[in-house]
Amino acid sequence: MVRQEGRQEGRQEVRCAAAREFLLDVLAERFGPCDAAVISEVEALSDLIQLRRLAKRALKVTLPGEFRLELKAAAAATEAQ
């Protein structure tokens, strides 16, 4: 049972890492290279649903500042948990 839980956690972390990488790729493609603060905030996120939501927002926002607001809200939500 413990081994299976460990595997599930490992798979979840791999999915989150892929989602973080995808999100940063989308941001870089749309707005140019991400600064260290954005990278750090994205890397701190570990909720897959939240990361997917942010990736969708990254595809829709028109300005980097709009996305920063979304990212800050996500970071605040993560800290509140």
Protein backbone atom coordinates (compact mmCIF):
# COMPACT_ATOMS: atom_id res chain seq x y z
CA MET A 1 0.00 0.00 0.00
CA VAL A 2 2.77 2.44 0.90
CA ARG A 3 4.66 1.53 -2.25
CA GLN A 4 1.57 2.21 -4.40
CA GLU A 5 1.02 5.60 -2.72
CA GLY A 6 4.65 6.45 -3.39
CA ARG A 7 4.23 5.58 -7.05
CA GLN A 8 1.10 7.71 -7.31
CA GLU A 9 2.88 10.65 -5.69
CA GLY A 10 5.78 10.15 -8.07
CA ARG A 11 3.49 10.14 -11.09
CA GLN A 12 1.72 13.24 -9.80
CA GLU A 13 5.06 15.05 -9.44
CA VAL A 14 6.06 14.05 -12.98
CA ARG A 15 2.74 15.42 -14.30
CA CYS A 16 3.22 18.65 -12.36
CA ALA A 17 6.78 19.03 -13.63
CA ALA A 18 5.56 18.56 -17.21
CA ALA A 19 2.74 21.08 -16.65
CA ARG A 20 5.19 23.62 -15.21
CA GLU A 21 7.51 23.14 -18.18
CA PHE A 22 4.62 23.50 -20.63
CA LEU A 23 3.40 26.65 -18.89
CA LEU A 24 6.84 28.24 -19.03
CA ASP A 25 7.17 27.24 -22.70
CA VAL A 26 3.82 28.85 -23.54
CA LEU A 27 4.79 32.03 -21.72
CA ALA A 28 8.16 32.19 -23.45
CA GLU A 29 6.58 31.62 -26.85
CA ARG A 30 3.96 34.32 -26.33
CA PHE A 31 5.93 36.95 -24.43
CA GLY A 32 9.63 36.12 -24.69
CA PRO A 33 11.92 34.65 -22.04
CA CYS A 34 10.45 34.51 -18.53
CA ASP A 35 12.19 36.42 -15.80
CA ALA A 36 13.51 34.69 -12.69
CA ALA A 37 10.53 35.77 -10.55
CA VAL A 38 7.99 34.17 -12.89
CA ILE A 39 10.05 31.00 -13.17
CA SER A 40 10.35 30.81 -9.40
CA GLU A 41 6.62 31.32 -8.87
CA VAL A 42 5.71 28.71 -11.47
CA GLU A 43 8.22 26.23 -10.03
CA ALA A 44 6.65 26.67 -6.58
CA LEU A 45 3.24 25.50 -7.82
CA SER A 46 2.36 21.86 -7.22
CA ASP A 47 -1.37 21.67 -7.95
CA LEU A 48 -1.92 20.09 -11.36
CA ILE A 49 -5.38 21.59 -11.83
CA GLN A 50 -4.05 25.03 -11.01
CA LEU A 51 -1.15 24.60 -13.44
CA ARG A 52 -3.50 23.53 -16.22
CA ARG A 53 -5.77 26.50 -15.54
CA LEU A 54 -2.78 28.85 -15.69
CA ALA A 55 -1.63 27.32 -18.98
CA LYS A 56 -5.06 27.99 -20.48
CA ARG A 57 -4.95 31.56 -19.20
CA ALA A 58 -1.45 32.00 -20.63
CA LEU A 59 -2.87 31.16 -24.05
CA LYS A 60 -5.64 33.75 -23.71
CA VAL A 61 -4.19 36.81 -21.99
CA THR A 62 -2.97 39.61 -24.22
CA LEU A 63 -0.36 41.14 -21.92
CA PRO A 64 2.27 39.58 -19.65
CA GLY A 65 1.00 41.74 -16.78
CA GLU A 66 -2.41 40.07 -17.01
CA PHE A 67 -0.77 36.71 -16.56
CA ARG A 68 1.32 37.94 -13.62
CA LEU A 69 -1.90 38.82 -11.80
CA GLU A 70 -3.22 35.31 -12.42
CA LEU A 71 0.07 33.82 -11.25
CA LYS A 72 0.12 35.91 -8.08
CA ALA A 73 -3.44 34.82 -7.27
CA ALA A 74 -2.46 31.18 -7.78
CA ALA A 75 0.61 31.59 -5.56
CA ALA A 76 -1.52 33.21 -2.84
CA ALA A 77 -4.02 30.36 -3.05
CA THR A 78 -1.21 27.84 -2.71
CA GLU A 79 0.19 29.62 0.36
CA ALA A 80 -3.27 29.72 1.96
CA GLN A 81 -3.57 25.92 1.80
